[in-house]
Amino acid sequence: MVVSRVMLLLFLTAQGFDGLFTYTAVNAYGLHAEGNILIATWMALVGPAAALFGAKAVAGACGVLLYARGLHRTLSLLTVLYVIGAIGPWMMVFVRH
């Protein structure tokens, strides 16, 4: 139970950092810094902060739903994949610049 709660916390933290890193990159490099066309479109329509807050709120709610339904392995796998696929690339961008 404790491990699954820690994984949920890590998932939510990763979502938060991805939102922060994306917001920073969009402010520095423009909307083309966002690779997801749906999020980029929403950023153009409502602004980066509102679009990212909405996207991360939905992602966080989905993570909480996975936790509540007892799908802890799925949540763990998604957390690891998210750190590698979303946080890792942003870290590479910021380290290089």
PDB file of N, CA and C in Angstrom:
ATOM      1  N   MET A   1       0.824  -1.193   0.000  1.00  0.00           N
ATOM      2  CA  MET A   1       0.000   0.000   0.000  1.00  0.00           C
ATOM      3  C   MET A   1       0.868   1.256   0.000  1.00  0.00           C
ATOM      4  N   VAL A   2       1.929   1.240   0.783  1.00  0.00           N
ATOM      5  CA  VAL A   2       2.799   2.410   0.861  1.00  0.00           C
ATOM      6  C   VAL A   2       3.507   2.628  -0.473  1.00  0.00           C
ATOM      7  N   VAL A   3       3.969   1.550  -1.108  1.00  0.00           N
ATOM      8  CA  VAL A   3       4.667   1.668  -2.391  1.00  0.00           C
ATOM      9  C   VAL A   3       3.731   2.247  -3.448  1.00  0.00           C
ATOM     10  N   SER A   4       2.492   1.823  -3.463  1.00  0.00           N
ATOM     11  CA  SER A   4       1.552   2.331  -4.460  1.00  0.00           C
ATOM     12  C   SER A   4       1.246   3.812  -4.223  1.00  0.00           C
ATOM     13  N   ARG A   5       1.187   4.222  -2.970  1.00  0.00           N
ATOM     14  CA  ARG A   5       0.971   5.651  -2.684  1.00  0.00           C
ATOM     15  C   ARG A   5       2.172   6.485  -3.101  1.00  0.00           C
ATOM     16  N   VAL A   6       3.364   5.953  -2.881  1.00  0.00           N
ATOM     17  CA  VAL A   6       4.577   6.639  -3.318  1.00  0.00           C
ATOM     18  C   VAL A   6       4.583   6.755  -4.839  1.00  0.00           C
ATOM     19  N   MET A   7       4.171   5.700  -5.530  1.00  0.00           N
ATOM     20  CA  MET A   7       4.127   5.735  -6.990  1.00  0.00           C
ATOM     21  C   MET A   7       3.113   6.768  -7.473  1.00  0.00           C
ATOM     22  N   LEU A   8       1.977   6.863  -6.821  1.00  0.00           N
ATOM     23  CA  LEU A   8       1.001   7.896  -7.177  1.00  0.00           C
ATOM     24  C   LEU A   8       1.605   9.282  -6.968  1.00  0.00           C
ATOM     25  N   LEU A   9       2.287   9.478  -5.867  1.00  0.00           N
ATOM     26  CA  LEU A   9       2.936  10.759  -5.600  1.00  0.00           C
ATOM     27  C   LEU A   9       3.991  11.062  -6.662  1.00  0.00           C
ATOM     28  N   LEU A  10       4.769  10.067  -7.057  1.00  0.00           N
ATOM     29  CA  LEU A  10       5.769  10.261  -8.108  1.00  0.00           C
ATOM     30  C   LEU A  10       5.109  10.598  -9.444  1.00  0.00           C
ATOM     31  N   PHE A  11       4.008   9.916  -9.744  1.00  0.00           N
ATOM     32  CA  PHE A  11       3.282  10.195 -10.979  1.00  0.00           C
ATOM     33  C   PHE A  11       2.790  11.641 -11.001  1.00  0.00           C
ATOM     34  N   LEU A  12       2.170  12.065  -9.914  1.00  0.00           N
ATOM     35  CA  LEU A  12       1.652  13.434  -9.838  1.00  0.00           C
ATOM     36  C   LEU A  12       2.786  14.458  -9.871  1.00  0.00           C
ATOM     37  N   THR A  13       3.897  14.141  -9.226  1.00  0.00           N
ATOM     38  CA  THR A  13       5.058  15.027  -9.250  1.00  0.00           C
ATOM     39  C   THR A  13       5.623  15.139 -10.662  1.00  0.00           C
ATOM     40  N   ALA A  14       5.708  14.015 -11.359  1.00  0.00           N
ATOM     41  CA  ALA A  14       6.191  14.025 -12.738  1.00  0.00           C
ATOM     42  C   ALA A  14       5.280  14.865 -13.625  1.00  0.00           C
ATOM     43  N   GLN A  15       3.983  14.761 -13.430  1.00  0.00           N
ATOM     44  CA  GLN A  15       3.045  15.585 -14.186  1.00  0.00           C
ATOM     45  C   GLN A  15       3.292  17.070 -13.923  1.00  0.00           C
ATOM     46  N   GLY A  16       3.479  17.397 -12.660  1.00  0.00           N
ATOM     47  CA  GLY A  16       3.730  18.789 -12.293  1.00  0.00           C
ATOM     48  C   GLY A  16       5.013  19.327 -12.913  1.00  0.00           C
ATOM     49  N   PHE A  17       6.081  18.539 -12.830  1.00  0.00           N
ATOM     50  CA  PHE A  17       7.349  18.988 -13.410  1.00  0.00           C
ATOM     51  C   PHE A  17       7.265  19.082 -14.932  1.00  0.00           C
ATOM     52  N   ASP A  18       6.573  18.155 -15.563  1.00  0.00           N
ATOM     53  CA  ASP A  18       6.418  18.242 -17.008  1.00  0.00           C
ATOM     54  C   ASP A  18       5.674  19.519 -17.389  1.00  0.00           C
ATOM     55  N   GLY A  19       4.644  19.845 -16.649  1.00  0.00           N
ATOM     56  CA  GLY A  19       3.922  21.089 -16.905  1.00  0.00           C
ATOM     57  C   GLY A  19       4.808  22.310 -16.720  1.00  0.00           C
ATOM     58  N   LEU A  20       5.597  22.313 -15.658  1.00  0.00           N
ATOM     59  CA  LEU A  20       6.513  23.424 -15.394  1.00  0.00           C
ATOM     60  C   LEU A  20       7.573  23.540 -16.486  1.00  0.00           C
ATOM     61  N   PHE A  21       8.177  22.410 -16.866  1.00  0.00           N
ATOM     62  CA  PHE A  21       9.204  22.416 -17.902  1.00  0.00           C
ATOM     63  C   PHE A  21       8.621  22.846 -19.253  1.00  0.00           C
ATOM     64  N   THR A  22       7.430  22.358 -19.567  1.00  0.00           N
ATOM     65  CA  THR A  22       6.789  22.724 -20.825  1.00  0.00           C
ATOM     66  C   THR A  22       6.476  24.210 -20.847  1.00  0.00           C
ATOM     67  N   TYR A  23       5.956  24.727 -19.757  1.00  0.00           N
ATOM     68  CA  TYR A  23       5.640  26.163 -19.672  1.00  0.00           C
ATOM     69  C   TYR A  23       6.899  27.000 -19.860  1.00  0.00           C
ATOM     70  N   THR A  24       7.984  26.583 -19.220  1.00  0.00           N
ATOM     71  CA  THR A  24       9.257  27.297 -19.342  1.00  0.00           C
ATOM     72  C   THR A  24       9.752  27.268 -20.785  1.00  0.00           C
ATOM     73  N   ALA A  25       9.691  26.109 -21.418  1.00  0.00           N
ATOM     74  CA  ALA A  25      10.154  25.978 -22.804  1.00  0.00           C
ATOM     75  C   ALA A  25       9.289  26.774 -23.770  1.00  0.00           C
ATOM     76  N   VAL A  26       7.988  26.756 -23.568  1.00  0.00           N
ATOM     77  CA  VAL A  26       7.090  27.507 -24.454  1.00  0.00           C
ATOM     78  C   VAL A  26       7.343  29.002 -24.304  1.00  0.00           C
ATOM     79  N   ASN A  27       7.583  29.466 -23.094  1.00  0.00           N
ATOM     80  CA  ASN A  27       7.902  30.884 -22.910  1.00  0.00           C
ATOM     81  C   ASN A  27       9.230  31.249 -23.548  1.00  0.00           C
ATOM     82  N   ALA A  28      10.186  30.341 -23.536  1.00  0.00           N
ATOM     83  CA  ALA A  28      11.510  30.618 -24.093  1.00  0.00           C
ATOM     84  C   ALA A  28      11.563  30.434 -25.607  1.00  0.00           C
ATOM     85  N   TYR A  29      10.904  29.386 -26.140  1.00  0.00           N
ATOM     86  CA  TYR A  29      11.063  29.022 -27.547  1.00  0.00           C
ATOM     87  C   TYR A  29       9.793  29.164 -28.378  1.00  0.00           C
ATOM     88  N   GLY A  30       8.676  29.433 -27.769  1.00  0.00           N
ATOM     89  CA  GLY A  30       7.421  29.549 -28.507  1.00  0.00           C
ATOM     90  C   GLY A  30       6.616  28.255 -28.479  1.00  0.00           C
ATOM     91  N   LEU A  31       5.449  28.316 -29.076  1.00  0.00           N
ATOM     92  CA  LEU A  31       4.521  27.176 -29.051  1.00  0.00           C
ATOM     93  C   LEU A  31       5.069  25.933 -29.734  1.00  0.00           C
ATOM     94  N   HIS A  32       5.996  26.089 -30.666  1.00  0.00           N
ATOM     95  CA  HIS A  32       6.538  24.913 -31.352  1.00  0.00           C
ATOM     96  C   HIS A  32       7.375  24.037 -30.422  1.00  0.00           C
ATOM     97  N   ALA A  33       7.657  24.518 -29.203  1.00  0.00           N
ATOM     98  CA  ALA A  33       8.387  23.691 -28.232  1.00  0.00           C
ATOM     99  C   ALA A  33       7.521  22.531 -27.735  1.00  0.00           C
ATOM    100  N   GLU A  34       6.214  22.678 -27.848  1.00  0.00           N
ATOM    101  CA  GLU A  34       5.297  21.610 -27.434  1.00  0.00           C
ATOM    102  C   GLU A  34       5.113  20.637 -28.585  1.00  0.00           C
ATOM    103  N   GLY A  35       5.431  19.380 -28.365  1.00  0.00           N
ATOM    104  CA  GLY A  35       5.350  18.370 -29.405  1.00  0.00           C
ATOM    105  C   GLY A  35       3.955  17.801 -29.622  1.00  0.00           C
ATOM    106  N   ASN A  36       3.079  17.946 -28.648  1.00  0.00           N
ATOM    107  CA  ASN A  36       1.721  17.424 -28.760  1.00  0.00           C
ATOM    108  C   ASN A  36       0.854  18.482 -29.435  1.00  0.00           C
ATOM    109  N   ILE A  37       0.378  18.186 -30.632  1.00  0.00           N
ATOM    110  CA  ILE A  37      -0.373  19.160 -31.416  1.00  0.00           C
ATOM    111  C   ILE A  37      -1.678  19.572 -30.730  1.00  0.00           C
ATOM    112  N   LEU A  38      -2.296  18.650 -30.004  1.00  0.00           N
ATOM    113  CA  LEU A  38      -3.537  19.004 -29.297  1.00  0.00           C
ATOM    114  C   LEU A  38      -3.263  20.022 -28.194  1.00  0.00           C
ATOM    115  N   ILE A  39      -2.206  19.793 -27.424  1.00  0.00           N
ATOM    116  CA  ILE A  39      -1.863  20.738 -26.360  1.00  0.00           C
ATOM    117  C   ILE A  39      -1.411  22.065 -26.961  1.00  0.00           C
ATOM    118  N   ALA A  40      -0.629  22.013 -28.036  1.00  0.00           N
ATOM    119  CA  ALA A  40      -0.173  23.247 -28.687  1.00  0.00           C
ATOM    120  C   ALA A  40      -1.354  24.063 -29.214  1.00  0.00           C
ATOM    121  N   THR A  41      -2.351  23.375 -29.763  1.00  0.00           N
ATOM    122  CA  THR A  41      -3.543  24.071 -30.250  1.00  0.00           C
ATOM    123  C   THR A  41      -4.282  24.737 -29.103  1.00  0.00           C
ATOM    124  N   TRP A  42      -4.451  24.019 -28.002  1.00  0.00           N
ATOM    125  CA  TRP A  42      -5.107  24.605 -26.841  1.00  0.00           C
ATOM    126  C   TRP A  42      -4.304  25.766 -26.278  1.00  0.00           C
ATOM    127  N   MET A  43      -2.969  25.661 -26.329  1.00  0.00           N
ATOM    128  CA  MET A  43      -2.131  26.777 -25.872  1.00  0.00           C
ATOM    129  C   MET A  43      -2.385  28.016 -26.720  1.00  0.00           C
ATOM    130  N   ALA A  44      -2.529  27.822 -28.028  1.00  0.00           N
ATOM    131  CA  ALA A  44      -2.794  28.952 -28.918  1.00  0.00           C
ATOM    132  C   ALA A  44      -4.174  29.554 -28.643  1.00  0.00           C
ATOM    133  N   LEU A  45      -5.124  28.713 -28.240  1.00  0.00           N
ATOM    134  CA  LEU A  45      -6.491  29.186 -28.013  1.00  0.00           C
ATOM    135  C   LEU A  45      -6.684  29.856 -26.652  1.00  0.00           C
ATOM    136  N   VAL A  46      -6.157  29.233 -25.593  1.00  0.00           N
ATOM    137  CA  VAL A  46      -6.433  29.734 -24.237  1.00  0.00           C
ATOM    138  C   VAL A  46      -5.184  30.183 -23.474  1.00  0.00           C
ATOM    139  N   GLY A  47      -4.025  30.007 -24.075  1.00  0.00           N
ATOM    140  CA  GLY A  47      -2.779  30.384 -23.412  1.00  0.00           C
ATOM    141  C   GLY A  47      -2.094  29.162 -22.813  1.00  0.00           C
ATOM    142  N   PRO A  48      -0.775  29.247 -22.688  1.00  0.00           N
ATOM    143  CA  PRO A  48      -0.010  28.096 -22.193  1.00  0.00           C
ATOM    144  C   PRO A  48      -0.372  27.666 -20.772  1.00  0.00           C
ATOM    145  N   ALA A  49      -0.547  28.621 -19.881  1.00  0.00           N
ATOM    146  CA  ALA A  49      -0.806  28.262 -18.480  1.00  0.00           C
ATOM    147  C   ALA A  49      -2.123  27.501 -18.335  1.00  0.00           C
ATOM    148  N   ALA A  50      -3.179  28.032 -18.928  1.00  0.00           N
ATOM    149  CA  ALA A  50      -4.491  27.383 -18.804  1.00  0.00           C
ATOM    150  C   ALA A  50      -4.505  26.023 -19.495  1.00  0.00           C
ATOM    151  N   ALA A  51      -3.894  25.939 -20.680  1.00  0.00           N
ATOM    152  CA  ALA A  51      -3.875  24.669 -21.415  1.00  0.00           C
ATOM    153  C   ALA A  51      -3.094  23.611 -20.652  1.00  0.00           C
ATOM    154  N   LEU A  52      -1.938  23.985 -20.127  1.00  0.00           N
ATOM    155  CA  LEU A  52      -1.129  23.013 -19.386  1.00  0.00           C
ATOM    156  C   LEU A  52      -1.789  22.624 -18.073  1.00  0.00           C
ATOM    157  N   PHE A  53      -2.392  23.586 -17.403  1.00  0.00           N
ATOM    158  CA  PHE A  53      -3.087  23.254 -16.158  1.00  0.00           C
ATOM    159  C   PHE A  53      -4.211  22.259 -16.431  1.00  0.00           C
ATOM    160  N   GLY A  54      -4.977  22.493 -17.484  1.00  0.00           N
ATOM    161  CA  GLY A  54      -6.061  21.574 -17.831  1.00  0.00           C
ATOM    162  C   GLY A  54      -5.552  20.190 -18.186  1.00  0.00           C
ATOM    163  N   ALA A  55      -4.512  20.141 -19.007  1.00  0.00           N
ATOM    164  CA  ALA A  55      -3.962  18.847 -19.424  1.00  0.00           C
ATOM    165  C   ALA A  55      -3.389  18.077 -18.239  1.00  0.00           C
ATOM    166  N   LYS A  56      -2.680  18.761 -17.387  1.00  0.00           N
ATOM    167  CA  LYS A  56      -2.066  18.088 -16.237  1.00  0.00           C
ATOM    168  C   LYS A  56      -3.117  17.713 -15.193  1.00  0.00           C
ATOM    169  N   ALA A  57      -4.179  18.493 -15.086  1.00  0.00           N
ATOM    170  CA  ALA A  57      -5.274  18.135 -14.179  1.00  0.00           C
ATOM    171  C   ALA A  57      -5.956  16.851 -14.643  1.00  0.00           C
ATOM    172  N   VAL A  58      -6.194  16.749 -15.945  1.00  0.00           N
ATOM    173  CA  VAL A  58      -6.805  15.528 -16.490  1.00  0.00           C
ATOM    174  C   VAL A  58      -5.870  14.333 -16.297  1.00  0.00           C
ATOM    175  N   ALA A  59      -4.578  14.519 -16.591  1.00  0.00           N
ATOM    176  CA  ALA A  59      -3.615  13.432 -16.416  1.00  0.00           C
ATOM    177  C   ALA A  59      -3.526  13.007 -14.956  1.00  0.00           C
ATOM    178  N   GLY A  60      -3.504  13.974 -14.063  1.00  0.00           N
ATOM    179  CA  GLY A  60      -3.462  13.660 -12.635  1.00  0.00           C
ATOM    180  C   GLY A  60      -4.705  12.916 -12.179  1.00  0.00           C
ATOM    181  N   ALA A  61      -5.863  13.350 -12.672  1.00  0.00           N
ATOM    182  CA  ALA A  61      -7.112  12.671 -12.320  1.00  0.00           C
ATOM    183  C   ALA A  61      -7.113  11.233 -12.831  1.00  0.00           C
ATOM    184  N   CYS A  62      -6.555  11.029 -14.015  1.00  0.00           N
ATOM    185  CA  CYS A  62      -6.457   9.664 -14.542  1.00  0.00           C
ATOM    186  C   CYS A  62      -5.533   8.809 -13.680  1.00  0.00           C
ATOM    187  N   GLY A  63      -4.435   9.394 -13.205  1.00  0.00           N
ATOM    188  CA  GLY A  63      -3.534   8.675 -12.309  1.00  0.00           C
ATOM    189  C   GLY A  63      -4.222   8.307 -11.005  1.00  0.00           C
ATOM    190  N   VAL A  64      -4.987   9.227 -10.447  1.00  0.00           N
ATOM    191  CA  VAL A  64      -5.728   8.952  -9.216  1.00  0.00           C
ATOM    192  C   VAL A  64      -6.773   7.868  -9.458  1.00  0.00           C
ATOM    193  N   LEU A  65      -7.411   7.898 -10.613  1.00  0.00           N
ATOM    194  CA  LEU A  65      -8.385   6.861 -10.953  1.00  0.00           C
ATOM    195  C   LEU A  65      -7.724   5.489 -11.042  1.00  0.00           C
ATOM    196  N   LEU A  66      -6.560   5.422 -11.679  1.00  0.00           N
ATOM    197  CA  LEU A  66      -5.836   4.150 -11.738  1.00  0.00           C
ATOM    198  C   LEU A  66      -5.512   3.656 -10.333  1.00  0.00           C
ATOM    199  N   TYR A  67      -5.070   4.557  -9.477  1.00  0.00           N
ATOM    200  CA  TYR A  67      -4.754   4.195  -8.096  1.00  0.00           C
ATOM    201  C   TYR A  67      -6.006   3.693  -7.364  1.00  0.00           C
ATOM    202  N   ALA A  68      -7.090   4.422  -7.508  1.00  0.00           N
ATOM    203  CA  ALA A  68      -8.332   4.061  -6.815  1.00  0.00           C
ATOM    204  C   ALA A  68      -8.893   2.725  -7.294  1.00  0.00           C
ATOM    205  N   ARG A  69      -8.684   2.408  -8.567  1.00  0.00           N
ATOM    206  CA  ARG A  69      -9.174   1.145  -9.112  1.00  0.00           C
ATOM    207  C   ARG A  69      -8.239  -0.026  -8.815  1.00  0.00           C
ATOM    208  N   GLY A  70      -7.120   0.263  -8.158  1.00  0.00           N
ATOM    209  CA  GLY A  70      -6.192  -0.801  -7.786  1.00  0.00           C
ATOM    210  C   GLY A  70      -5.245  -1.214  -8.897  1.00  0.00           C
ATOM    211  N   LEU A  71      -5.110  -0.389  -9.914  1.00  0.00           N
ATOM    212  CA  LEU A  71      -4.227  -0.696 -11.035  1.00  0.00           C
ATOM    213  C   LEU A  71      -2.838  -0.108 -10.768  1.00  0.00           C
ATOM    214  N   HIS A  72      -2.228  -0.580  -9.694  1.00  0.00           N
ATOM    215  CA  HIS A  72      -0.969  -0.003  -9.238  1.00  0.00           C
ATOM    216  C   HIS A  72       0.195  -0.326 -10.161  1.00  0.00           C
ATOM    217  N   ARG A  73       0.204  -1.505 -10.738  1.00  0.00           N
ATOM    218  CA  ARG A  73       1.289  -1.851 -11.681  1.00  0.00           C
ATOM    219  C   ARG A  73       1.208  -0.977 -12.926  1.00  0.00           C
ATOM    220  N   THR A  74       0.007  -0.748 -13.406  1.00  0.00           N
ATOM    221  CA  THR A  74      -0.172   0.121 -14.566  1.00  0.00           C
ATOM    222  C   THR A  74       0.301   1.531 -14.246  1.00  0.00           C
ATOM    223  N   LEU A  75      -0.062   2.024 -13.079  1.00  0.00           N
ATOM    224  CA  LEU A  75       0.372   3.351 -12.649  1.00  0.00           C
ATOM    225  C   LEU A  75       1.894   3.413 -12.536  1.00  0.00           C
ATOM    226  N   SER A  76       2.497   2.367 -12.013  1.00  0.00           N
ATOM    227  CA  SER A  76       3.957   2.318 -11.897  1.00  0.00           C
ATOM    228  C   SER A  76       4.615   2.337 -13.264  1.00  0.00           C
ATOM    229  N   LEU A  77       4.097   1.535 -14.182  1.00  0.00           N
ATOM    230  CA  LEU A  77       4.656   1.484 -15.532  1.00  0.00           C
ATOM    231  C   LEU A  77       4.519   2.837 -16.224  1.00  0.00           C
ATOM    232  N   LEU A  78       3.361   3.454 -16.116  1.00  0.00           N
ATOM    233  CA  LEU A  78       3.158   4.762 -16.728  1.00  0.00           C
ATOM    234  C   LEU A  78       4.066   5.824 -16.123  1.00  0.00           C
ATOM    235  N   THR A  79       4.292   5.728 -14.820  1.00  0.00           N
ATOM    236  CA  THR A  79       5.192   6.687 -14.158  1.00  0.00           C
ATOM    237  C   THR A  79       6.603   6.560 -14.706  1.00  0.00           C
ATOM    238  N   VAL A  80       7.091   5.329 -14.806  1.00  0.00           N
ATOM    239  CA  VAL A  80       8.447   5.104 -15.329  1.00  0.00           C
ATOM    240  C   VAL A  80       8.539   5.574 -16.775  1.00  0.00           C
ATOM    241  N   LEU A  81       7.560   5.206 -17.598  1.00  0.00           N
ATOM    242  CA  LEU A  81       7.566   5.627 -18.993  1.00  0.00           C
ATOM    243  C   LEU A  81       7.480   7.146 -19.127  1.00  0.00           C
ATOM    244  N   TYR A  82       6.720   7.765 -18.266  1.00  0.00           N
ATOM    245  CA  TYR A  82       6.562   9.213 -18.307  1.00  0.00           C
ATOM    246  C   TYR A  82       7.863   9.924 -17.943  1.00  0.00           C
ATOM    247  N   VAL A  83       8.532   9.422 -16.924  1.00  0.00           N
ATOM    248  CA  VAL A  83       9.805  10.027 -16.533  1.00  0.00           C
ATOM    249  C   VAL A  83      10.815   9.898 -17.669  1.00  0.00           C
ATOM    250  N   ILE A  84      10.850   8.739 -18.308  1.00  0.00           N
ATOM    251  CA  ILE A  84      11.803   8.513 -19.404  1.00  0.00           C
ATOM    252  C   ILE A  84      11.393   9.291 -20.657  1.00  0.00           C
ATOM    253  N   GLY A  85      10.112   9.272 -20.988  1.00  0.00           N
ATOM    254  CA  GLY A  85       9.654   9.853 -22.244  1.00  0.00           C
ATOM    255  C   GLY A  85       9.291  11.318 -22.215  1.00  0.00           C
ATOM    256  N   ALA A  86       9.029  11.872 -21.048  1.00  0.00           N
ATOM    257  CA  ALA A  86       8.620  13.275 -20.979  1.00  0.00           C
ATOM    258  C   ALA A  86       9.597  14.127 -20.171  1.00  0.00           C
ATOM    259  N   ILE A  87       9.954  13.676 -18.993  1.00  0.00           N
ATOM    260  CA  ILE A  87      10.858  14.452 -18.145  1.00  0.00           C
ATOM    261  C   ILE A  87      12.292  14.389 -18.694  1.00  0.00           C
ATOM    262  N   GLY A  88      12.726  13.203 -19.098  1.00  0.00           N
ATOM    263  CA  GLY A  88      14.084  13.026 -19.617  1.00  0.00           C
ATOM    264  C   GLY A  88      14.411  13.953 -20.776  1.00  0.00           C
ATOM    265  N   PRO A  89      13.557  14.014 -21.807  1.00  0.00           N
ATOM    266  CA  PRO A  89      13.847  14.922 -22.919  1.00  0.00           C
ATOM    267  C   PRO A  89      13.924  16.397 -22.505  1.00  0.00           C
ATOM    268  N   TRP A  90      13.055  16.820 -21.594  1.00  0.00           N
ATOM    269  CA  TRP A  90      13.135  18.212 -21.130  1.00  0.00           C
ATOM    270  C   TRP A  90      14.448  18.460 -20.398  1.00  0.00           C
ATOM    271  N   MET A  91      14.883  17.482 -19.627  1.00  0.00           N
ATOM    272  CA  MET A  91      16.158  17.642 -18.927  1.00  0.00           C
ATOM    273  C   MET A  91      17.301  17.795 -19.937  1.00  0.00           C
ATOM    274  N   MET A  92      17.246  17.046 -21.017  1.00  0.00           N
ATOM    275  CA  MET A  92      18.272  17.173 -22.056  1.00  0.00           C
ATOM    276  C   MET A  92      18.234  18.556 -22.710  1.00  0.00           C
ATOM    277  N   VAL A  93      17.048  19.082 -22.943  1.00  0.00           N
ATOM    278  CA  VAL A  93      16.914  20.415 -23.543  1.00  0.00           C
ATOM    279  C   VAL A  93      17.520  21.468 -22.614  1.00  0.00           C
ATOM    280  N   PHE A  94      17.180  21.384 -21.333  1.00  0.00           N
ATOM    281  CA  PHE A  94      17.643  22.410 -20.399  1.00  0.00           C
ATOM    282  C   PHE A  94      19.119  22.285 -20.070  1.00  0.00           C
ATOM    283  N   VAL A  95      19.655  21.090 -20.109  1.00  0.00           N
ATOM    284  CA  VAL A  95      21.090  20.907 -19.838  1.00  0.00           C
ATOM    285  C   VAL A  95      21.904  21.474 -20.999  1.00  0.00           C
ATOM    286  N   ARG A  96      21.416  21.319 -22.208  1.00  0.00           N
ATOM    287  CA  ARG A  96      22.144  21.798 -23.389  1.00  0.00           C
ATOM    288  C   ARG A  96      22.115  23.313 -23.516  1.00  0.00           C
ATOM    289  N   HIS A  97      21.103  23.960 -22.984  1.00  0.00           N
ATOM    290  CA  HIS A  97      20.969  25.412 -23.159  1.00  0.00           C
ATOM    291  C   HIS A  97      21.131  26.104 -21.880  1.00  0.00           C
TER     292      HIS A  97
END
